[in-house]
């Protein structure tokens, strides 16, 4: 048995329902149900009776609940003694998130942290990478999910997401230039890039524009958007004219209208990476649980 499984069971037993416990732990109800069923299979007993009004703890479940409470309390005391940090009370983890973050990243991290530290509430704020890193330096964020990894000492970082970028084109242009659904980047040299301002993420902007220019695409920096980036509606409207293209991952979160088509870029010349960045002197265990779920580089 794992600590996260015991926390999940204790939450369901104490809240009296899977839905309430899922909200407490910041996980999906289906994931929580799978965890409890796995625990029951491991032990070979039924821990909960399910019914329309919620759940009732069985006799073996009462035994496990009593022992789990003691074990979890001891576990938390050990962590507090070793780290010098008491996480027994409510805590807030302030996380910065960029636009177009892959849909699986946050739910996975929130689920793992919620299972290990149900008392921690994640406070999510959307901001460009430069604004996130500035907030991190000022102590206004605990963790930044940024498009660039800050140089120099003072920070730790892991790779949280890696996406090969394709392009959004008007349906007419895609039919002309993307023979099998893929297009060469240099074939877009006559189009304008509907991109983002350098002020939002200088290092990532320089990487993108350097690649575009090396493929014959003229790039001009566009004015800032108040730190919010170019909104999807404006980007799609520009693409729809047939005079511009936009970069986007295959699993783009926005709805693509019929007049716009996504195409892969041959050779994957642009890979967008999102880094989880936090102060290297942080000793927060809830942050560590959040980061561990993001560390795709170690997977």
Protein backbone atom coordinates (compact mmCIF):
# COMPACT_ATOMS: atom_id res chain seq x y z
CA UNK A 1 0.00 0.00 0.00
CA UNK A 2 1.11 3.54 -0.76
CA UNK A 3 0.56 6.67 1.32
CA UNK A 4 -1.48 8.24 -1.49
CA UNK A 5 -3.80 5.21 -1.50
CA UNK A 6 -4.35 5.46 2.24
CA UNK A 7 -5.07 9.20 1.95
CA UNK A 8 -7.56 8.50 -0.82
CA UNK A 9 -9.35 5.83 1.21
CA UNK A 10 -9.44 7.98 4.35
CA UNK A 11 -10.88 10.88 2.38
CA UNK A 12 -13.67 8.78 0.87
CA UNK A 13 -14.47 7.15 4.21
CA UNK A 14 -14.55 10.46 6.10
CA UNK A 15 -16.41 12.46 3.44
CA UNK A 16 -18.94 9.68 2.85
CA UNK A 17 -18.88 9.89 -0.96
CA UNK A 18 -16.52 9.67 -3.90
CA UNK A 19 -17.62 13.02 -5.31
CA UNK A 20 -16.92 14.94 -2.09
CA UNK A 21 -13.56 13.19 -1.60
CA UNK A 22 -12.58 13.89 -5.21
CA UNK A 23 -13.16 17.59 -4.63
CA UNK A 24 -11.11 17.45 -1.42
CA UNK A 25 -8.21 15.69 -3.13
CA UNK A 26 -8.40 17.65 -6.42
CA UNK A 27 -8.72 14.44 -8.47
CA UNK A 28 -11.34 13.06 -10.80
CA UNK A 29 -14.02 10.81 -9.33
CA UNK A 30 -13.17 8.00 -11.75
CA UNK A 31 -9.47 8.10 -10.80
CA UNK A 32 -10.37 8.01 -7.11
CA UNK A 33 -12.71 5.07 -7.64
CA UNK A 34 -9.94 3.17 -9.45
CA UNK A 35 -7.55 3.83 -6.56
CA UNK A 36 -9.99 2.41 -4.01
CA UNK A 37 -10.77 -0.64 -6.15
CA UNK A 38 -7.04 -1.27 -6.54
CA UNK A 39 -6.61 -1.06 -2.76
CA UNK A 40 -9.48 -3.50 -2.23
CA UNK A 41 -7.90 -5.94 -4.71
CA UNK A 42 -4.55 -5.70 -2.92
CA UNK A 43 -6.12 -6.46 0.45
CA UNK A 44 -8.67 -8.97 -0.82
CA UNK A 45 -11.53 -7.35 1.12
CA UNK A 46 -14.34 -4.90 0.43
CA UNK A 47 -13.59 -1.65 2.24
CA UNK A 48 -16.68 0.33 1.23
CA UNK A 49 -20.29 -0.44 0.46
CA UNK A 50 -21.42 1.76 -2.44
CA UNK A 51 -25.00 3.01 -2.60
CA UNK A 52 -26.94 5.86 -4.18
CA UNK A 53 -26.50 8.15 -1.16
CA UNK A 54 -22.74 7.67 -0.96
CA UNK A 55 -20.61 5.03 0.76
CA UNK A 56 -20.58 3.15 4.04
CA UNK A 57 -17.38 1.83 5.57
CA UNK A 58 -17.34 -1.96 6.04
CA UNK A 59 -15.93 -3.69 9.12
CA UNK A 60 -12.53 -4.30 7.45
CA UNK A 61 -12.70 -0.72 6.23
CA UNK A 62 -13.15 0.55 9.81
CA UNK A 63 -10.01 -1.32 10.82
CA UNK A 64 -8.04 0.12 7.92
CA UNK A 65 -9.38 3.63 8.54
CA UNK A 66 -8.26 3.56 12.16
CA UNK A 67 -4.77 2.34 11.24
CA UNK A 68 -4.53 4.66 8.24
CA UNK A 69 -5.26 7.73 10.36
CA UNK A 70 -2.47 6.80 12.75
CA UNK A 71 -0.03 6.03 9.94
CA UNK A 72 -0.80 9.23 8.02
CA UNK A 73 -0.40 11.34 11.15
CA UNK A 74 2.97 9.70 11.84
CA UNK A 75 4.01 10.19 8.20
CA UNK A 76 3.20 13.90 8.36
CA UNK A 77 5.05 14.31 11.67
CA UNK A 78 8.16 12.69 10.19
CA UNK A 79 8.07 14.99 7.16
CA UNK A 80 7.60 18.05 9.36
CA UNK A 81 10.52 17.00 11.58
CA UNK A 82 12.86 16.31 8.65
CA UNK A 83 11.97 19.34 6.52
CA UNK A 84 11.20 21.81 9.28
CA UNK A 85 7.90 22.55 7.56
CA UNK A 86 4.52 21.88 9.10
CA UNK A 87 1.93 21.07 6.43
CA UNK A 88 -0.78 19.98 8.85
CA UNK A 89 -2.86 23.08 8.18
CA UNK A 90 -4.21 24.49 4.94
CA UNK A 91 -1.62 25.68 2.43
CA UNK A 92 -1.68 27.41 -0.94
CA UNK A 93 0.61 26.57 -3.84
CA UNK A 94 0.74 29.48 -6.29
CA UNK A 95 1.32 28.21 -9.82
CA UNK A 96 1.80 30.28 -12.98
CA UNK A 97 0.49 28.81 -16.24
CA UNK A 98 1.08 29.94 -19.85
CA UNK A 99 -1.44 30.00 -22.66
CA UNK A 100 -1.91 26.74 -24.58
CA UNK A 101 -0.59 24.42 -21.86
CA UNK A 102 -1.19 20.76 -22.86
CA UNK A 103 -4.45 19.60 -21.33
CA UNK A 104 -2.98 16.64 -19.44
CA UNK A 105 -0.26 18.54 -17.57
CA UNK A 106 -2.19 20.28 -14.79
CA UNK A 107 -4.74 17.52 -14.00
CA UNK A 108 -1.96 14.96 -13.52
CA UNK A 109 0.05 17.23 -11.23
CA UNK A 110 -2.99 18.36 -9.24
CA UNK A 111 -4.12 14.76 -8.79
CA UNK A 112 -0.76 13.56 -7.47
CA UNK A 113 -0.34 16.54 -5.15
CA UNK A 114 -3.95 16.31 -3.97
CA UNK A 115 -3.57 12.65 -3.07
CA UNK A 116 -0.42 13.29 -1.05
CA UNK A 117 -1.35 16.70 0.38
CA UNK A 118 -5.13 17.14 0.41
CA UNK A 119 -4.78 20.22 2.63
CA UNK A 120 -2.95 22.13 -0.13
CA UNK A 121 -4.99 24.27 -2.51
CA UNK A 122 -3.47 25.15 -5.87
CA UNK A 123 -3.95 28.78 -6.90
CA UNK A 124 -3.58 28.95 -10.70
CA UNK A 125 -2.84 32.21 -12.52
CA UNK A 126 -2.35 32.62 -16.28
CA UNK A 127 0.55 34.80 -17.41
CA UNK A 128 3.26 35.03 -20.05
CA UNK A 129 6.61 33.42 -19.25
CA UNK A 130 8.45 36.67 -18.55
CA UNK A 131 5.73 37.81 -16.15
CA UNK A 132 5.78 34.43 -14.39
CA UNK A 133 9.54 34.47 -13.89
CA UNK A 134 9.37 38.03 -12.57
CA UNK A 135 6.65 36.98 -10.12
CA UNK A 136 8.73 33.98 -9.07
CA UNK A 137 11.73 36.23 -8.38
CA UNK A 138 9.52 38.59 -6.37
CA UNK A 139 8.13 35.74 -4.26
CA UNK A 140 4.63 36.11 -5.70
CA UNK A 141 4.65 32.61 -7.25
CA UNK A 142 5.84 29.28 -5.85
CA UNK A 143 6.13 27.58 -9.25
CA UNK A 144 6.24 28.86 -12.84
CA UNK A 145 5.32 26.85 -15.92
CA UNK A 146 7.31 28.85 -18.44
CA UNK A 147 8.47 28.50 -22.04
CA UNK A 148 12.06 29.13 -21.01
CA UNK A 149 14.38 27.98 -18.26
CA UNK A 150 16.08 30.91 -16.45
CA UNK A 151 19.89 30.88 -16.62
CA UNK A 152 22.13 31.13 -13.60
CA UNK A 153 21.78 29.92 -10.01
CA UNK A 154 18.78 30.31 -7.74
CA UNK A 155 16.31 28.03 -9.53
CA UNK A 156 15.59 24.37 -10.12
CA UNK A 157 13.69 23.22 -13.21
CA UNK A 158 12.28 20.11 -14.88
CA UNK A 159 10.79 19.63 -18.31
CA UNK A 160 6.99 19.58 -17.96
CA UNK A 161 5.90 19.35 -21.61
CA UNK A 162 7.41 19.01 -25.06
CA UNK A 163 5.34 19.59 -28.20
CA UNK A 164 6.30 19.55 -31.89
CA UNK A 165 4.55 22.54 -33.42
CA UNK A 166 2.58 22.50 -36.65
CA UNK A 167 0.81 25.39 -38.36
CA UNK A 168 -2.70 26.69 -38.71
CA UNK A 169 -3.50 27.71 -42.30
CA UNK A 170 -6.61 28.77 -44.12
CA UNK A 171 -8.32 25.73 -45.59
CA UNK A 172 -7.62 26.98 -49.11
CA UNK A 173 -3.90 27.40 -48.52
CA UNK A 174 -3.66 24.04 -46.78
CA UNK A 175 -5.25 22.35 -49.79
CA UNK A 176 -2.72 24.04 -52.11
CA UNK A 177 0.47 23.56 -50.12
CA UNK A 178 0.07 20.62 -47.72
CA UNK A 179 -0.07 17.64 -50.02
CA UNK A 180 -0.47 14.88 -47.42
CA UNK A 181 -1.38 17.11 -44.50
CA UNK A 182 2.22 18.30 -44.00
CA UNK A 183 4.01 21.40 -45.20
CA UNK A 184 7.60 22.65 -45.36
CA UNK A 185 8.22 25.73 -43.25
CA UNK A 186 9.86 27.56 -46.18
CA UNK A 187 6.61 27.22 -48.14
CA UNK A 188 5.12 29.84 -45.80
CA UNK A 189 7.69 32.55 -46.61
CA UNK A 190 5.06 34.76 -48.28
CA UNK A 191 2.79 34.74 -45.21
CA UNK A 192 2.80 36.77 -41.99
CA UNK A 193 3.40 34.98 -38.71
CA UNK A 194 0.51 35.56 -36.30
CA UNK A 195 2.73 35.15 -33.27
CA UNK A 196 3.47 36.65 -29.89
CA UNK A 197 5.51 39.59 -28.64
CA UNK A 198 9.13 39.13 -27.62
CA UNK A 199 8.30 40.78 -24.29
CA UNK A 200 6.19 37.75 -23.35
CA UNK A 201 9.01 35.21 -23.56
CA UNK A 202 12.29 36.61 -24.93
CA UNK A 203 14.31 33.37 -25.19
CA UNK A 204 11.48 31.35 -26.76
CA UNK A 205 10.61 34.23 -29.11
CA UNK A 206 14.24 34.45 -30.27
CA UNK A 207 14.31 30.69 -30.87
CA UNK A 208 11.09 30.76 -32.90
CA UNK A 209 11.97 33.83 -34.95
CA UNK A 210 15.48 32.55 -35.60
CA UNK A 211 14.04 29.35 -37.05
CA UNK A 212 11.44 31.24 -39.09
CA UNK A 213 14.05 33.62 -40.52
CA UNK A 214 16.35 30.72 -41.39
CA UNK A 215 13.48 29.41 -43.55
CA UNK A 216 13.02 32.71 -45.36
CA UNK A 217 10.13 34.08 -43.29
CA UNK A 218 10.27 37.81 -42.49
CA UNK A 219 9.39 38.38 -38.83
CA UNK A 220 8.53 41.64 -37.12
CA UNK A 221 8.00 41.87 -33.38
CA UNK A 222 4.39 42.67 -32.58
CA UNK A 223 3.21 44.92 -29.72
CA UNK A 224 2.59 43.31 -26.35
CA UNK A 225 -0.89 42.13 -25.42
CA UNK A 226 -0.82 43.17 -21.78
CA UNK A 227 0.97 39.93 -20.85
CA UNK A 228 -1.92 37.78 -22.12
CA UNK A 229 -0.54 36.77 -25.49
CA UNK A 230 -2.40 36.80 -28.79
CA UNK A 231 -5.89 35.46 -28.09
CA UNK A 232 -7.15 32.54 -30.16
CA UNK A 233 -9.92 34.51 -31.87
CA UNK A 234 -7.50 37.12 -33.20
CA UNK A 235 -5.02 34.45 -34.29
CA UNK A 236 -7.67 32.43 -36.14
CA UNK A 237 -9.11 35.53 -37.78
CA UNK A 238 -5.67 36.44 -39.16
CA UNK A 239 -5.13 32.90 -40.43
CA UNK A 240 -8.57 32.79 -42.00
CA UNK A 241 -7.70 35.67 -44.34
CA UNK A 242 -5.18 33.47 -46.12
CA UNK A 243 -2.46 36.04 -45.48
CA UNK A 244 -1.03 34.60 -42.24
CA UNK A 245 -0.13 31.39 -40.42
CA UNK A 246 0.01 30.54 -36.74
CA UNK A 247 2.01 27.92 -34.85
CA UNK A 248 0.05 25.35 -32.86
CA UNK A 249 0.57 21.85 -31.40
CA UNK A 250 -1.38 18.84 -32.77
CA UNK A 251 -3.66 18.76 -29.71
CA UNK A 252 -4.49 22.46 -29.78
CA UNK A 253 -7.01 23.21 -27.04
CA UNK A 254 -9.02 25.73 -29.04
CA UNK A 255 -11.84 25.01 -31.47
CA UNK A 256 -10.63 25.26 -35.06
CA UNK A 257 -13.25 26.65 -37.47
CA UNK A 258 -13.96 24.94 -40.80
CA UNK A 259 -12.13 27.72 -42.66
CA UNK A 260 -8.85 26.85 -40.88
CA UNK A 261 -6.77 23.66 -41.06
CA UNK A 262 -3.94 22.35 -38.88
CA UNK A 263 -0.94 20.94 -40.76
CA UNK A 264 2.20 19.24 -39.50
CA UNK A 265 5.58 20.83 -40.25
CA UNK A 266 7.87 18.46 -42.11
CA UNK A 267 10.97 17.68 -40.06
CA UNK A 268 9.55 19.16 -36.83
CA UNK A 269 11.74 22.30 -37.00
CA UNK A 270 10.05 23.84 -33.92
CA UNK A 271 9.69 22.04 -30.58
CA UNK A 272 7.93 24.00 -27.84
CA UNK A 273 9.05 23.13 -24.32
CA UNK A 274 7.39 24.13 -21.07
CA UNK A 275 9.56 24.12 -17.96
CA UNK A 276 8.49 23.88 -14.34
CA UNK A 277 10.68 26.38 -12.47
CA UNK A 278 10.88 27.01 -8.73
CA UNK A 279 13.36 28.51 -6.20
CA UNK A 280 16.18 26.08 -5.44
CA UNK A 281 15.90 26.78 -1.72
CA UNK A 282 12.27 25.63 -1.53
CA UNK A 283 11.66 22.74 0.87
CA UNK A 284 7.93 22.39 0.28
CA UNK A 285 6.85 18.77 0.07
CA UNK A 286 3.60 19.62 -1.68
CA UNK A 287 5.55 21.46 -4.38
CA UNK A 288 7.82 18.42 -4.72
CA UNK A 289 4.78 16.17 -5.25
CA UNK A 290 3.45 18.58 -7.88
CA UNK A 291 6.81 18.72 -9.68
CA UNK A 292 7.30 14.94 -9.58
CA UNK A 293 4.15 14.51 -11.66
CA UNK A 294 5.47 17.01 -14.22
CA UNK A 295 8.91 15.49 -14.68
CA UNK A 296 8.44 13.89 -18.10
CA UNK A 297 12.19 14.00 -18.65
CA UNK A 298 12.63 11.24 -16.05
CA UNK A 299 9.85 9.08 -17.48
